[in-house]
Amino acid sequence: MRIGIDLDNTIIDYTEAFLFGARQLKLIPENWEGQKEDLKQFVQSHSEGELNWQRLQGRVYGQWIHHAKLFSGVFRFLWRCRQRGWETIVVSHKTEHGHFDSKKILLRDAARKFLYSCHVFGSHEEDLLDEIKFEPTREQKIQAINDFQCDVFIDDLPEILEHRNFPLSTKRILFDSSNQSKTNRLERVRSWDDLATMLLGDWSELELNNLAESCGFSAVKVIQTVTGGGNSQIFKCHTEVGNEIALKIYPADSKHDRLRSEYDGIKTIRSKCILKVPKPLGVNRDLETTVFRWVDGETVIKPTFEDIDKTVEFLSSLHRCRNQIEFNDFPNASAACFSGQQIEEQIISRLEILSREENDSLNLFLNKEFFDILKKMQKQAKDIWPNKEYDLIINRSKQILSPSDFGFHNALRKRNGSLVFLDFEYFGWDDPVKLMCDFAFHPGMELSESIRKYWFKATLNLYGYEILKRLTASWPLYGLCWVLIMLNEFRSDIWKRRCAANPMMIDSRSELELRQLERSRQLLKLIDNSVQTQTFDFM
């Protein structure tokens, strides 16, 4: 196979570089956030917008390229191609200099240096790219694709792939990471994991052995694929000396560094305060892969009050660990919320994504059942929020280190009765109220009302009753977040990721969608009824 790939906005993710550059040129307010397409529209909507956008592009692709990064999953995709002996060639439409660049920085040299710094190309022992070809015009780029006789070409621009001169023998794949393209004539992927699933398929035994070796473990034997998770891929292996290890491959995620959260977080936790987490043994950050010591244990199916005590004891140890210097600059937990407004924004964001899916049952539920209760809960939260500070972000002194996706669904009971807590991919700084609510609402656990109340009282004792008013105001909103999270099976992007981690799910989507829709409906009714009856009085 010969794989041809575009460079800018396909291999290289310029999101952060464009935001940096736009702030440097004062084209956006300091606190503005958004994707590249949003930024382009914002800049072009103002005076001299097109000229300012071209000026920004020229600086980003040259002077500020070091603020860019590889798209998550690119390195691993190229590495797997190399394992299989496939050729990978970059063909890029890139001029010598950027628009309005008085420094005349050579854009092609800047791109080569960037790829070298990412260990992808340029005098490394094993370059992952066979060749890079720059062309000054789109027509010449298309001719180069034809000359290389690529079996596949991947590009973020439909106008390249749909060009009348594009070679008919080359498979065309649109890389649409932001899901913005309107074309229906092209095969489309949203991540490099999607591409890997499409072109490479399942991991081979050779790839897995070499992956483990890259993390420091040679001559391992892969015993089985662990399909319990819906995101990361986990393989149970044993080493040449008979030890059992977990080889974990993280999904491409441009919004949250899962590997850093889990591997670095657990490494610090184990070394400083707590042993009730898996022991980290090896890591390859380029390949977004880690190795942990395998943990044997039983799933906690029917949690008891004693299990809640053990869980809160773990959180108490973690809370004492938060002042370690290693956590000073640690990132926020995934989907962290530090104000009422941020909870509301998260709900709206999830709603917007779900509303893009063309599903009558889903849209009927959102429009006829969800929206009315959302409006009611928003008003109530703002009315009773402590000191009316709904928009105010709580400061670091009130934040905690949160495992985020925390609960008995991510815990194992060992033979001696102790609990080991797993899965810290979303670990980071967060509001204790969010942790408390997420634990109580998580659909992966069946908690009785008495267990829920016991959990809230135990965690209030841990984190302090001064958060009680914020908890009372915000728990219905967090519940509504979970109503939407349970509908993720309707999202095409998440469904692809689920199937990549567990191919056994492919034929069960319709059944899962119906089940999740009913569970969401029941949770929505529970929230509404609990607010009216004050079931969650927390006292």
Protein backbone atom coordinates (compact mmCIF):
# COMPACT_ATOMS: atom_id res chain seq x y z
CA MET A 1 0.00 0.00 0.00
CA ARG A 2 1.10 3.55 -0.75
CA ILE A 3 -0.71 6.09 1.42
CA GLY A 4 -0.68 9.73 0.34
CA ILE A 5 -1.47 12.34 2.97
CA ASP A 6 -2.00 16.09 3.00
CA LEU A 7 -0.02 18.02 5.63
CA ASP A 8 -1.69 21.18 6.94
CA ASN A 9 -4.84 20.55 8.99
CA THR A 10 -4.59 16.83 8.23
CA ILE A 11 -1.33 15.77 9.89
CA ILE A 12 -0.62 19.07 11.65
CA ASP A 13 -3.28 20.46 14.00
CA TYR A 14 -2.99 24.27 14.01
CA THR A 15 -5.86 24.99 16.41
CA GLU A 16 -3.71 26.29 19.26
CA ALA A 17 -1.32 28.06 16.88
CA PHE A 18 -4.17 30.00 15.26
CA LEU A 19 -5.58 30.98 18.65
CA PHE A 20 -2.13 32.12 19.79
CA GLY A 21 -1.54 34.08 16.60
CA ALA A 22 -4.98 35.71 16.61
CA ARG A 23 -4.38 36.93 20.16
CA GLN A 24 -0.89 38.21 19.25
CA LEU A 25 -2.36 40.18 16.35
CA LYS A 26 -5.29 41.30 18.54
CA LEU A 27 -7.85 39.84 16.13
CA ILE A 28 -9.91 38.24 18.94
CA PRO A 29 -10.65 39.06 22.59
CA GLU A 30 -8.21 37.48 25.05
CA ASN A 31 -10.76 35.00 26.39
CA TRP A 32 -12.19 33.97 22.97
CA GLU A 33 -12.34 30.22 22.34
CA GLY A 34 -13.38 28.07 19.41
CA GLN A 35 -12.23 25.85 16.56
CA LYS A 36 -10.27 27.00 13.52
CA GLU A 37 -13.40 27.37 11.34
CA ASP A 38 -15.09 29.45 14.06
CA LEU A 39 -11.99 31.64 14.28
CA LYS A 40 -11.87 32.10 10.50
CA GLN A 41 -15.51 33.24 10.42
CA PHE A 42 -14.94 35.60 13.36
CA VAL A 43 -11.86 37.23 11.81
CA GLN A 44 -13.35 37.51 8.33
CA SER A 45 -16.54 39.11 9.68
CA HIS A 46 -14.63 42.22 10.78
CA SER A 47 -13.04 45.09 8.90
CA GLU A 48 -10.34 43.91 6.46
CA GLY A 49 -11.20 40.40 7.59
CA GLU A 50 -9.87 38.52 4.55
CA LEU A 51 -6.55 40.38 4.62
CA ASN A 52 -6.20 39.78 8.37
CA TRP A 53 -6.95 36.07 7.91
CA GLN A 54 -4.29 35.74 5.21
CA ARG A 55 -1.82 37.63 7.38
CA LEU A 56 -2.58 35.30 10.30
CA GLN A 57 -2.18 32.20 8.10
CA GLY A 58 1.22 33.38 6.88
CA ARG A 59 2.53 33.80 10.42
CA VAL A 60 0.99 30.57 11.80
CA TYR A 61 2.40 28.32 9.08
CA GLY A 62 5.84 29.85 9.55
CA GLN A 63 6.87 31.88 12.59
CA TRP A 64 4.33 30.34 14.99
CA ILE A 65 4.25 26.74 13.74
CA HIS A 66 5.88 25.59 17.00
CA HIS A 67 2.54 26.31 18.71
CA ALA A 68 0.93 23.62 16.54
CA LYS A 69 0.93 19.86 17.24
CA LEU A 70 0.37 16.58 15.46
CA PHE A 71 -3.25 15.45 15.45
CA SER A 72 -3.74 12.82 18.12
CA GLY A 73 -3.27 9.37 16.61
CA VAL A 74 -1.14 10.50 13.60
CA PHE A 75 2.13 9.14 14.95
CA ARG A 76 0.57 5.80 15.85
CA PHE A 77 -1.08 5.47 12.42
CA LEU A 78 2.21 6.14 10.62
CA TRP A 79 4.03 3.74 12.97
CA ARG A 80 1.55 0.96 12.18
CA CYS A 81 1.96 1.60 8.46
CA ARG A 82 5.72 1.23 8.93
CA GLN A 83 5.16 -2.05 10.83
CA ARG A 84 3.29 -3.39 7.80
CA GLY A 85 5.78 -2.15 5.24
CA TRP A 86 3.38 0.39 3.75
CA GLU A 87 4.71 3.59 2.17
CA THR A 88 3.49 6.93 3.51
CA ILE A 89 4.02 10.07 1.44
CA VAL A 90 3.07 13.67 2.18
CA VAL A 91 1.93 15.76 -0.79
CA SER A 92 1.23 19.34 0.27
CA HIS A 93 0.14 22.53 -1.45
CA LYS A 94 2.45 25.03 0.24
CA THR A 95 4.03 28.20 -1.12
CA GLU A 96 7.62 29.24 -0.33
CA HIS A 97 6.58 32.22 1.84
CA GLY A 98 3.52 33.20 3.83
CA HIS A 99 1.16 36.03 2.89
CA PHE A 100 2.29 39.46 4.11
CA ASP A 101 5.26 37.95 5.96
CA SER A 102 7.92 40.66 6.15
CA LYS A 103 10.41 38.15 7.64
CA LYS A 104 10.12 35.92 4.55
CA ILE A 105 10.22 32.72 6.62
CA LEU A 106 10.48 29.63 4.42
CA LEU A 107 7.25 27.78 5.11
CA ARG A 108 8.46 24.46 3.72
CA ASP A 109 11.57 24.50 5.91
CA ALA A 110 9.42 25.40 8.92
CA ALA A 111 7.16 22.40 8.21
CA ARG A 112 10.13 20.03 7.85
CA LYS A 113 11.61 21.26 11.14
CA PHE A 114 8.27 20.79 12.86
CA LEU A 115 7.98 17.19 11.62
CA TYR A 116 11.56 16.53 12.71
CA SER A 117 10.78 17.83 16.21
CA CYS A 118 7.84 15.41 16.32
CA HIS A 119 10.12 12.46 15.38
CA VAL A 120 8.23 11.86 12.14
CA PHE A 121 10.66 12.83 9.38
CA GLY A 122 14.22 13.99 8.81
CA SER A 123 17.32 11.88 9.64
CA HIS A 124 15.78 9.89 12.49
CA GLU A 125 16.76 6.22 12.69
CA GLU A 126 13.37 5.13 11.39
CA ASP A 127 11.46 7.95 9.71
CA LEU A 128 7.73 7.30 9.63
CA LEU A 129 7.28 9.22 6.37
CA ASP A 130 9.00 8.03 3.20
CA GLU A 131 8.84 11.33 1.35
CA ILE A 132 7.52 14.88 1.51
CA LYS A 133 6.56 16.68 -1.66
CA PHE A 134 5.61 20.37 -1.68
CA GLU A 135 3.82 21.92 -4.66
CA PRO A 136 3.05 25.62 -5.25
CA THR A 137 -0.46 25.11 -6.68
CA ARG A 138 -3.38 22.74 -6.14
CA GLU A 139 -3.20 21.55 -9.74
CA GLN A 140 0.45 20.55 -9.32
CA LYS A 141 -0.40 18.83 -6.03
CA ILE A 142 -3.02 16.71 -7.78
CA GLN A 143 -0.57 15.88 -10.55
CA ALA A 144 1.96 14.74 -7.90
CA ILE A 145 -0.68 12.47 -6.32
CA ASN A 146 -1.21 10.97 -9.77
CA ASP A 147 2.54 10.58 -10.37
CA PHE A 148 3.04 8.79 -7.04
CA GLN A 149 0.19 6.38 -7.94
CA CYS A 150 -1.15 6.51 -4.40
CA ASP A 151 -3.58 3.75 -3.44
CA VAL A 152 -5.20 6.12 -0.92
CA PHE A 153 -5.08 9.88 -0.42
CA ILE A 154 -6.24 11.66 2.74
CA ASP A 155 -7.00 15.39 2.70
CA ASP A 156 -9.06 17.90 4.69
CA LEU A 157 -10.16 19.80 1.55
CA PRO A 158 -13.06 18.37 -0.49
CA GLU A 159 -12.04 20.57 -3.43
CA ILE A 160 -8.81 18.56 -3.76
CA LEU A 161 -10.45 15.15 -3.56
CA GLU A 162 -13.34 16.16 -5.86
CA HIS A 163 -11.14 17.90 -8.43
CA ARG A 164 -11.84 16.80 -12.01
CA ASN A 165 -8.19 15.74 -12.47
CA PHE A 166 -7.92 13.70 -9.26
CA PRO A 167 -6.82 10.16 -10.20
CA LEU A 168 -9.77 7.77 -10.41
CA SER A 169 -7.69 4.81 -9.20
CA THR A 170 -6.89 6.49 -5.86
CA LYS A 171 -9.25 5.97 -2.92
CA ARG A 172 -10.30 9.37 -1.57
CA ILE A 173 -10.77 9.96 2.17
CA LEU A 174 -11.87 13.29 3.63
CA PHE A 175 -10.32 14.12 7.00
CA ASP A 176 -13.03 16.24 8.67
CA SER A 177 -11.98 16.58 12.31
CA SER A 178 -14.47 19.37 13.06
CA ASN A 179 -17.38 17.76 11.19
CA GLN A 180 -17.86 20.93 9.14
CA SER A 181 -17.89 19.64 5.56
CA LYS A 182 -21.23 19.55 3.73
CA THR A 183 -20.22 17.12 0.99
CA ASN A 184 -21.87 13.70 0.84
CA ARG A 185 -19.79 12.39 -2.05
CA LEU A 186 -16.70 11.36 -0.06
CA GLU A 187 -15.79 8.79 2.55
CA ARG A 188 -15.23 10.79 5.68
CA VAL A 189 -13.32 10.27 8.94
CA ARG A 190 -13.13 12.54 11.97
CA SER A 191 -9.98 11.18 13.61
CA TRP A 192 -6.85 9.21 12.91
CA ASP A 193 -8.32 6.36 14.90
CA ASP A 194 -11.18 6.28 12.37
CA LEU A 195 -8.57 6.06 9.63
CA ALA A 196 -6.73 3.26 11.41
CA THR A 197 -9.97 1.30 11.76
CA MET A 198 -10.80 1.83 8.09
CA LEU A 199 -7.39 1.07 6.57
CA LEU A 200 -5.46 -0.98 9.13
CA GLY A 201 -8.14 -2.88 11.02
CA ASP A 202 -7.32 -4.90 14.13
CA TRP A 203 -3.90 -4.81 15.76
CA SER A 204 -1.69 -7.72 14.67
CA GLU A 205 0.29 -9.82 17.14
CA LEU A 206 3.54 -8.40 15.71
CA GLU A 207 2.30 -4.83 16.21
CA LEU A 208 1.27 -5.53 19.79
CA ASN A 209 4.58 -7.16 20.64
CA ASN A 210 6.50 -4.23 19.16
CA LEU A 211 4.17 -1.79 20.95
CA ALA A 212 4.89 -3.48 24.30
CA GLU A 213 8.61 -3.43 23.51
CA SER A 214 8.42 0.32 22.83
CA CYS A 215 7.14 0.67 26.41
CA GLY A 216 10.06 -1.38 27.81
CA PHE A 217 8.70 -4.95 27.68
CA SER A 218 10.23 -7.35 25.17
CA ALA A 219 9.08 -10.87 24.27
CA VAL A 220 5.57 -10.55 25.68
CA LYS A 221 2.79 -12.96 24.80
CA VAL A 222 -0.60 -11.43 24.20
CA ILE A 223 -3.18 -13.54 26.02
CA GLN A 224 -6.44 -11.73 25.35
CA THR A 225 -8.16 -8.54 24.33
CA VAL A 226 -10.06 -6.94 27.17
CA THR A 227 -13.23 -5.37 25.78
CA GLY A 228 -14.77 -4.04 28.98
CA GLY A 229 -14.08 -0.38 28.17
CA GLY A 230 -15.84 1.68 25.53
CA ASN A 231 -12.88 3.90 24.70
CA SER A 232 -9.32 2.68 25.22
CA GLN A 233 -8.13 -0.69 23.97
CA ILE A 234 -6.65 -2.95 26.65
CA PHE A 235 -4.67 -6.15 26.13
CA LYS A 236 -3.76 -8.57 28.88
CA CYS A 237 -0.23 -9.89 28.34
CA HIS A 238 2.38 -11.79 30.31
CA THR A 239 6.09 -11.07 30.24
CA GLU A 240 8.98 -13.45 29.66
CA VAL A 241 9.40 -13.79 33.44
CA GLY A 242 5.72 -14.61 33.95
CA ASN A 243 4.31 -11.28 35.19
CA GLU A 244 0.92 -10.15 33.96
CA ILE A 245 0.61 -6.65 32.49
CA ALA A 246 -2.08 -4.46 30.94
CA LEU A 247 -1.12 -2.89 27.61
CA LYS A 248 -3.36 0.16 27.12
CA ILE A 249 -3.83 2.06 23.87
CA TYR A 250 -5.57 5.44 24.27
CA PRO A 251 -8.01 6.78 21.66
CA ALA A 252 -7.17 9.89 19.68
CA ASP A 253 -8.45 12.83 21.73
CA SER A 254 -7.44 16.37 20.79
CA LYS A 255 -9.34 17.92 23.72
CA HIS A 256 -7.89 15.98 26.64
CA ASP A 257 -4.51 14.28 27.17
CA ARG A 258 -5.77 10.98 28.56
CA LEU A 259 -2.32 9.45 28.85
CA ARG A 260 -0.98 12.32 30.93
CA SER A 261 -4.04 12.31 33.17
CA GLU A 262 -3.84 8.60 33.86
CA TYR A 263 -0.17 7.64 33.71
CA ASP A 264 1.38 10.75 35.25
CA GLY A 265 -1.50 11.16 37.68
CA ILE A 266 -1.36 7.57 38.97
CA LYS A 267 2.45 7.63 39.09
CA THR A 268 2.38 10.64 41.42
CA ILE A 269 -0.53 9.25 43.46
CA ARG A 270 1.25 5.94 44.08
CA SER A 271 4.59 7.54 44.91
CA LYS A 272 3.18 10.17 47.27
CA CYS A 273 0.11 8.88 49.03
CA ILE A 274 -2.01 5.94 47.80
CA LEU A 275 -1.35 2.39 46.64
CA LYS A 276 -4.95 1.49 45.76
CA VAL A 277 -4.41 2.14 42.04
CA PRO A 278 -2.62 0.05 39.37
CA LYS A 279 1.17 0.33 39.29
CA PRO A 280 2.45 2.17 36.16
CA LEU A 281 5.30 0.26 34.50
CA GLY A 282 6.03 1.81 31.11
CA VAL A 283 4.95 4.44 28.61
CA ASN A 284 5.41 5.53 24.99
CA ARG A 285 3.96 9.02 24.68
CA ASP A 286 4.37 9.26 20.89
CA LEU A 287 2.35 6.06 20.45
CA GLU A 288 -0.09 7.09 23.21
CA THR A 289 0.36 3.75 24.95
CA THR A 290 1.04 2.70 28.56
CA VAL A 291 1.73 -0.47 30.51
CA PHE A 292 0.33 -1.10 34.00
CA ARG A 293 0.64 -4.09 36.29
CA TRP A 294 -2.42 -6.29 35.80
CA VAL A 295 -4.94 -6.18 38.65
CA ASP A 296 -7.02 -9.26 39.43
CA GLY A 297 -10.31 -8.78 41.21
CA GLU A 298 -14.08 -9.01 41.05
CA THR A 299 -16.51 -6.40 39.81
CA VAL A 300 -18.37 -4.56 42.58
CA ILE A 301 -21.95 -5.37 41.62
CA LYS A 302 -23.93 -4.59 44.79
CA PRO A 303 -22.07 -1.88 46.72
CA THR A 304 -22.57 -1.69 50.47
CA PHE A 305 -22.26 1.13 52.99
CA GLU A 306 -18.83 -0.29 53.82
CA ASP A 307 -17.85 0.06 50.15
CA ILE A 308 -18.88 3.72 50.27
CA ASP A 309 -16.64 4.14 53.34
CA LYS A 310 -13.69 2.60 51.46
CA THR A 311 -14.37 4.85 48.48
CA VAL A 312 -14.49 8.01 50.59
CA GLU A 313 -11.33 6.89 52.40
CA PHE A 314 -9.62 6.71 49.00
CA LEU A 315 -10.87 10.19 48.09
CA SER A 316 -9.67 11.48 51.46
CA SER A 317 -6.14 10.23 50.73
CA LEU A 318 -6.31 11.79 47.28
CA HIS A 319 -7.51 15.06 48.79
CA ARG A 320 -4.47 15.16 51.08
CA CYS A 321 -2.29 14.57 48.01
CA ARG A 322 -3.47 17.67 46.13
CA ASN A 323 -0.72 19.94 47.45
CA GLN A 324 2.08 17.86 45.90
CA ILE A 325 4.22 20.03 43.63
CA GLU A 326 3.63 17.63 40.71
CA PHE A 327 -0.02 18.71 40.66
CA ASN A 328 0.63 22.46 40.60
CA ASP A 329 0.35 22.63 36.81
CA PHE A 330 -1.70 19.49 36.31
CA PRO A 331 -4.58 19.89 33.81
CA ASN A 332 -8.24 20.08 34.68
CA ALA A 333 -10.32 16.93 34.66
CA SER A 334 -12.07 16.23 31.39
CA ALA A 335 -15.32 18.23 31.20
CA ALA A 336 -14.49 19.98 34.49
CA CYS A 337 -17.06 22.53 35.71
CA PHE A 338 -16.16 25.40 38.05
CA SER A 339 -19.37 27.47 37.87
CA GLY A 340 -23.07 27.10 37.19
CA GLN A 341 -22.57 28.75 33.83
CA GLN A 342 -20.01 26.11 32.83
CA ILE A 343 -22.44 23.30 33.70
CA GLU A 344 -25.06 25.01 31.54
CA GLU A 345 -22.57 25.43 28.66
CA GLN A 346 -21.73 21.74 28.84
CA ILE A 347 -25.42 20.82 28.57
CA ILE A 348 -25.91 23.14 25.59
CA SER A 349 -22.79 21.78 23.87
CA ARG A 350 -23.98 18.19 24.25
CA LEU A 351 -27.43 19.18 22.98
CA GLU A 352 -25.99 20.83 19.87
CA ILE A 353 -23.92 17.74 19.02
CA LEU A 354 -26.85 15.35 19.52
CA SER A 355 -29.20 17.55 17.50
CA ARG A 356 -26.98 17.04 14.42
CA GLU A 357 -27.82 13.35 14.37
CA GLU A 358 -30.77 12.60 12.09
CA ASN A 359 -32.85 10.40 14.37
CA ASP A 360 -36.57 11.03 14.82
CA SER A 361 -36.87 9.30 18.20
CA LEU A 362 -33.92 11.21 19.61
CA ASN A 363 -35.07 14.61 18.37
CA LEU A 364 -38.63 13.99 19.56
CA PHE A 365 -37.36 13.24 23.06
CA LEU A 366 -35.12 16.32 23.15
CA ASN A 367 -37.77 18.69 21.79
CA LYS A 368 -40.85 17.37 23.58
CA GLU A 369 -39.48 16.17 26.92
CA PHE A 370 -35.97 17.45 27.66
CA PHE A 371 -36.13 21.17 26.83
CA ASP A 372 -39.00 22.06 29.17
CA ILE A 373 -37.33 20.46 32.19
CA LEU A 374 -33.97 22.02 31.25
CA LYS A 375 -35.49 25.52 31.28
CA LYS A 376 -37.13 24.87 34.66
CA MET A 377 -33.88 23.56 36.21
CA GLN A 378 -31.82 26.44 34.79
CA LYS A 379 -34.13 28.98 36.37
CA GLN A 380 -34.16 27.18 39.71
CA ALA A 381 -30.35 26.87 39.79
CA LYS A 382 -29.87 30.59 39.12
CA ASP A 383 -32.49 31.53 41.73
CA ILE A 384 -30.92 29.52 44.57
CA TRP A 385 -27.22 29.65 43.62
CA PRO A 386 -25.23 30.81 46.68
CA ASN A 387 -24.72 34.59 46.68
CA LYS A 388 -26.16 34.68 43.12
CA GLU A 389 -22.63 33.89 41.85
CA TYR A 390 -23.81 31.55 39.10
CA ASP A 391 -21.11 32.75 36.67
CA LEU A 392 -18.27 32.93 39.19
CA ILE A 393 -15.52 30.30 38.82
CA ILE A 394 -14.49 28.76 42.14
CA ASN A 395 -10.83 29.31 42.96
CA ARG A 396 -8.19 26.61 43.22
CA SER A 397 -8.44 26.39 47.02
CA LYS A 398 -11.99 25.03 46.61
CA GLN A 399 -11.09 22.59 43.84
CA ILE A 400 -10.10 18.94 44.25
CA LEU A 401 -8.16 16.32 42.33
CA SER A 402 -10.90 14.23 40.81
CA PRO A 403 -10.69 10.80 39.11
CA SER A 404 -13.70 12.14 37.16
CA ASP A 405 -15.14 8.90 35.75
CA PHE A 406 -15.26 7.56 39.27
CA GLY A 407 -17.33 4.79 40.76
CA PHE A 408 -17.66 1.08 41.37
CA HIS A 409 -17.84 0.51 37.60
CA ASN A 410 -14.13 1.41 37.63
CA ALA A 411 -13.14 -0.55 40.73
CA LEU A 412 -12.20 -4.16 41.54
CA ARG A 413 -12.58 -6.01 44.80
CA LYS A 414 -9.47 -8.02 45.65
CA ARG A 415 -9.50 -11.31 47.56
CA ASN A 416 -8.76 -9.57 50.85
CA GLY A 417 -11.83 -7.34 50.38
CA SER A 418 -9.93 -4.15 49.56
CA LEU A 419 -10.84 -2.04 46.53
CA VAL A 420 -8.52 -1.01 43.70
CA PHE A 421 -9.62 1.98 41.60
CA LEU A 422 -9.04 1.97 37.84
CA ASP A 423 -9.33 4.25 34.83
CA PHE A 424 -7.95 7.72 35.49
CA GLU A 425 -8.09 8.89 31.85
CA TYR A 426 -10.13 11.96 32.81
CA PHE A 427 -8.29 12.70 36.08
CA GLY A 428 -7.51 16.32 37.01
CA TRP A 429 -8.74 19.40 38.86
CA ASP A 430 -12.49 19.79 39.32
CA ASP A 431 -15.28 20.95 41.63
CA PRO A 432 -16.00 18.39 44.40
CA VAL A 433 -19.72 18.92 43.72
CA LYS A 434 -19.30 17.55 40.20
CA LEU A 435 -17.53 14.43 41.50
CA MET A 436 -20.29 13.86 44.05
CA CYS A 437 -23.09 14.25 41.49
CA ASP A 438 -21.38 12.22 38.76
CA PHE A 439 -20.87 9.32 41.18
CA ALA A 440 -24.53 9.41 42.23
CA PHE A 441 -25.92 9.57 38.67
CA HIS A 442 -23.49 7.30 36.83
CA PRO A 443 -25.49 4.69 34.87
CA GLY A 444 -22.70 2.13 35.30
CA MET A 445 -23.79 1.59 38.91
CA GLU A 446 -27.09 0.69 40.52
CA LEU A 447 -27.22 2.69 43.74
CA SER A 448 -30.20 2.58 46.05
CA GLU A 449 -31.62 5.82 47.41
CA SER A 450 -30.19 5.02 50.87
CA ILE A 451 -26.72 4.39 49.39
CA ARG A 452 -26.90 7.68 47.46
CA LYS A 453 -27.83 9.64 50.58
CA TYR A 454 -25.05 7.94 52.55
CA TRP A 455 -22.59 8.87 49.77
CA PHE A 456 -23.62 12.52 49.81
CA LYS A 457 -23.35 12.78 53.60
CA ALA A 458 -19.94 11.06 53.66
CA THR A 459 -18.51 13.31 50.94
CA LEU A 460 -19.98 16.43 52.55
CA ASN A 461 -18.13 15.45 55.71
CA LEU A 462 -14.96 15.10 53.64
CA TYR A 463 -15.15 18.27 51.54
CA GLY A 464 -17.04 20.50 54.00
CA TYR A 465 -20.66 21.58 54.38
CA GLU A 466 -19.87 24.99 52.93
CA ILE A 467 -20.43 23.41 49.48
CA LEU A 468 -23.97 22.27 50.43
CA LYS A 469 -25.74 25.25 48.84
CA ARG A 470 -23.82 24.81 45.60
CA LEU A 471 -24.62 21.10 45.64
CA THR A 472 -28.34 21.79 46.17
CA ALA A 473 -28.40 24.27 43.29
CA SER A 474 -26.38 22.28 40.78
CA TRP A 475 -27.25 18.60 41.18
CA PRO A 476 -30.29 18.75 38.83
CA LEU A 477 -28.11 20.29 36.10
CA TYR A 478 -25.50 17.54 36.49
CA GLY A 479 -28.33 15.04 36.31
CA LEU A 480 -29.42 16.57 33.00
CA CYS A 481 -25.84 16.22 31.74
CA TRP A 482 -26.12 12.50 32.44
CA VAL A 483 -29.44 12.32 30.62
CA LEU A 484 -27.53 13.50 27.52
CA ILE A 485 -24.40 11.42 28.16
CA MET A 486 -26.52 8.28 28.14
CA LEU A 487 -27.59 9.21 24.61
CA ASN A 488 -24.00 9.07 23.29
CA GLU A 489 -24.80 5.86 21.42
CA PHE A 490 -26.70 8.10 18.99
CA ARG A 491 -23.50 10.02 18.17
CA SER A 492 -21.76 8.69 15.06
CA ASP A 493 -18.28 9.75 16.22
CA ILE A 494 -18.56 8.04 19.60
CA TRP A 495 -20.15 4.93 18.09
CA LYS A 496 -17.14 4.50 15.79
CA ARG A 497 -14.82 4.75 18.78
CA ARG A 498 -16.88 2.24 20.75
CA CYS A 499 -16.73 -0.25 17.90
CA ALA A 500 -12.97 0.25 17.45
CA ALA A 501 -12.45 -0.65 21.11
CA ASN A 502 -14.99 -3.49 21.01
CA PRO A 503 -15.87 -4.80 17.50
CA MET A 504 -18.51 -7.11 19.05
CA MET A 505 -20.79 -4.05 19.40
CA ILE A 506 -21.14 -3.32 15.67
CA ASP A 507 -24.49 -5.08 15.13
CA SER A 508 -26.17 -3.90 18.33
CA ARG A 509 -26.55 -0.15 17.78
CA SER A 510 -30.33 0.07 17.30
CA GLU A 511 -30.97 -2.04 20.38
CA LEU A 512 -28.58 0.06 22.47
CA GLU A 513 -30.11 3.32 21.24
CA LEU A 514 -33.60 2.25 22.29
CA ARG A 515 -32.36 1.08 25.69
CA GLN A 516 -30.39 4.27 26.33
CA LEU A 517 -33.30 6.46 25.26
CA GLU A 518 -35.55 4.76 27.80
CA ARG A 519 -32.91 5.06 30.54
CA SER A 520 -32.52 8.77 29.76
CA ARG A 521 -36.28 9.21 29.93
CA GLN A 522 -36.43 7.52 33.34
CA LEU A 523 -33.57 9.64 34.70
CA LEU A 524 -35.26 12.80 33.44
CA LYS A 525 -38.43 11.84 35.33
CA LEU A 526 -36.40 11.03 38.45
CA ILE A 527 -34.74 14.46 38.41
CA ASP A 528 -38.02 16.31 37.93
CA ASN A 529 -39.79 14.28 40.64
CA SER A 530 -36.88 14.57 43.09
CA VAL A 531 -36.84 18.37 42.77
CA GLN A 532 -40.58 18.54 43.41
CA THR A 533 -40.51 16.14 46.38
CA GLN A 534 -37.09 17.25 47.71
CA THR A 535 -35.93 13.62 47.69
CA PHE A 536 -32.30 14.75 47.69
CA ASP A 537 -32.39 16.92 50.78
CA PHE A 538 -28.80 15.90 51.68
CA MET A 539 -29.53 16.28 55.38
